[in-house]
Structures are given as C-alpha cells and as structure tokens.
Protein backbone atom coordinates (compact mmCIF):
# COMPACT_ATOMS: atom_id res chain seq x y z
CA MET A 1 0.15 -0.23 -0.01
CA TYR A 2 1.09 3.31 -0.96
CA ALA A 3 0.27 6.69 0.98
CA MET A 4 0.14 10.27 -0.13
CA ILE A 5 -0.24 12.98 2.54
CA ARG A 6 -0.85 16.60 1.59
CA SER A 7 -0.72 19.67 3.83
CA TYR A 8 -2.03 22.91 2.54
CA SER A 9 -2.16 26.45 3.94
CA ALA A 10 -5.57 27.49 3.97
CA THR A 11 -6.90 31.24 3.31
CA GLY A 12 -10.49 30.71 3.19
CA SER A 13 -13.33 29.00 5.03
CA VAL A 14 -12.45 25.33 5.81
CA GLU A 15 -16.16 24.37 5.71
CA GLU A 16 -16.03 25.34 2.10
CA ILE A 17 -12.95 23.54 1.39
CA VAL A 18 -14.64 20.56 2.95
CA ARG A 19 -17.92 21.32 0.78
CA ARG A 20 -15.58 21.31 -2.54
CA VAL A 21 -13.81 18.37 -1.88
CA GLU A 22 -16.52 16.32 -1.20
CA ALA A 23 -17.92 17.43 -4.24
CA SER A 24 -15.16 17.27 -6.76
CA ILE A 25 -12.04 15.46 -5.09
CA LEU A 26 -13.69 12.56 -3.42
CA PRO A 27 -15.97 11.27 -6.53
CA MET A 28 -12.66 11.09 -8.65
CA LEU A 29 -10.69 9.28 -6.02
CA LYS A 30 -13.14 6.76 -5.35
CA ALA A 31 -13.51 5.95 -8.89
CA HIS A 32 -9.58 5.72 -9.37
CA ARG A 33 -7.76 2.59 -9.95
CA GLY A 34 -5.97 1.13 -6.77
CA PHE A 35 -7.96 3.49 -4.30
CA ARG A 36 -8.09 2.21 -0.50
CA HIS A 37 -8.77 5.18 1.83
CA TYR A 38 -8.99 8.94 2.09
CA TYR A 39 -8.85 11.01 5.00
CA ALA A 40 -8.93 15.01 5.63
CA GLY A 41 -8.41 17.17 8.53
CA ARG A 42 -7.76 20.56 9.89
CA SER A 43 -4.24 21.44 11.09
CA GLU A 44 -2.66 24.53 12.94
CA GLY A 45 -2.46 26.74 9.58
CA GLY A 46 -4.79 24.85 7.23
CA VAL A 47 -5.72 21.53 6.08
CA PHE A 48 -4.03 17.88 5.04
CA SER A 49 -5.59 14.86 3.36
CA VAL A 50 -4.08 11.13 3.43
CA SER A 51 -4.79 9.35 0.58
CA LEU A 52 -4.04 5.18 0.37
CA PHE A 53 -3.69 3.35 -2.86
CA ASP A 54 -2.58 -0.11 -3.77
CA THR A 55 0.45 1.10 -5.82
CA GLN A 56 2.91 3.86 -5.98
CA ALA A 57 1.96 4.41 -9.84
CA ASP A 58 -1.79 4.40 -8.62
CA ALA A 59 -0.96 7.24 -5.99
CA GLU A 60 1.16 9.25 -8.37
CA ALA A 61 -1.68 9.19 -10.91
CA ALA A 62 -4.40 10.27 -8.74
CA HIS A 63 -2.28 12.96 -7.37
CA GLU A 64 -1.56 14.61 -10.63
CA ALA A 65 -5.55 14.28 -11.04
CA VAL A 66 -5.87 15.95 -7.51
CA ARG A 67 -3.57 18.79 -8.53
CA GLY A 68 -5.93 19.84 -11.40
CA ILE A 69 -8.93 19.99 -9.29
CA VAL A 70 -7.21 21.94 -6.59
CA ALA A 71 -6.23 24.45 -9.57
CA ALA A 72 -9.67 24.57 -11.08
CA ASN A 73 -11.79 24.27 -8.04
CA LEU A 74 -9.87 25.73 -4.88
CA ALA A 75 -7.16 27.82 -5.82
CA GLU A 76 -8.47 30.81 -4.12
CA LEU A 77 -8.82 28.87 -0.86
CA LEU A 78 -5.71 26.73 -1.01
CA PRO A 79 -3.39 29.24 -3.05
CA GLN A 80 0.12 27.77 -2.33
CA PRO A 81 0.91 24.49 -3.52
CA PRO A 82 0.68 21.50 -0.69
CA VAL A 83 3.49 20.28 0.95
CA VAL A 84 3.57 16.54 0.21
CA THR A 85 4.75 13.22 1.69
CA ARG A 86 4.60 10.22 -0.11
CA GLY A 87 5.78 6.56 0.56
CA GLU A 88 5.29 2.86 1.00
CA VAL A 89 2.92 2.02 4.10
CA LEU A 90 4.87 -0.60 6.46
CA VAL A 91 2.52 -0.96 9.19
CA ALA A 92 -1.39 -0.88 9.06
CA ALA A 93 -3.79 -1.67 11.79
C-alpha cells in the first residue's frame, strides 16, 4: 500500500474547502484505480489529506488529478502548492 499526504495552507473557510472536496475530489478518488482510503483534517495553519492506494503508480496518477482539481476549483482557498509526503505504508492496523 502507498500513502500520499498533502498539507495545505488555507486562506478561506475550511467548511467551504470540505464542501468542494466532497463534491469534486472524493468522487474522482473513489473511482480511481487502486484507491483504498481518503482522510482529511484541519491542521494548525490549514488542512491536510491522507490518500491510500494499492501502488505508487496509482497514488501518483491520482495526485496529478487532485492537483488539477485543486487548481480549477480550490485555488482561491488553497493558493499555495501543498507540502507532499509520499511513501510505502509499512505498518497498518
């Protein structure tokens, strides 16, 4: 399993970010090959998400799709590129 963690600085309403993520990013991820799980939360200065996929290739392809959706639908709320951490999951419970 492969994880993709994105941390964003948010300039707008977290509630509006959540609404847009639920409307645009979640449907795409759920239909994406290798998708396992998606989690999102509020951090000190913004929001973060954790996406889990079967393979690195699946995760990287989905990440590129997310980047496009964020640029098209969330740019004014998430104006800076995310800090991305990615890697193989070694332990899961």
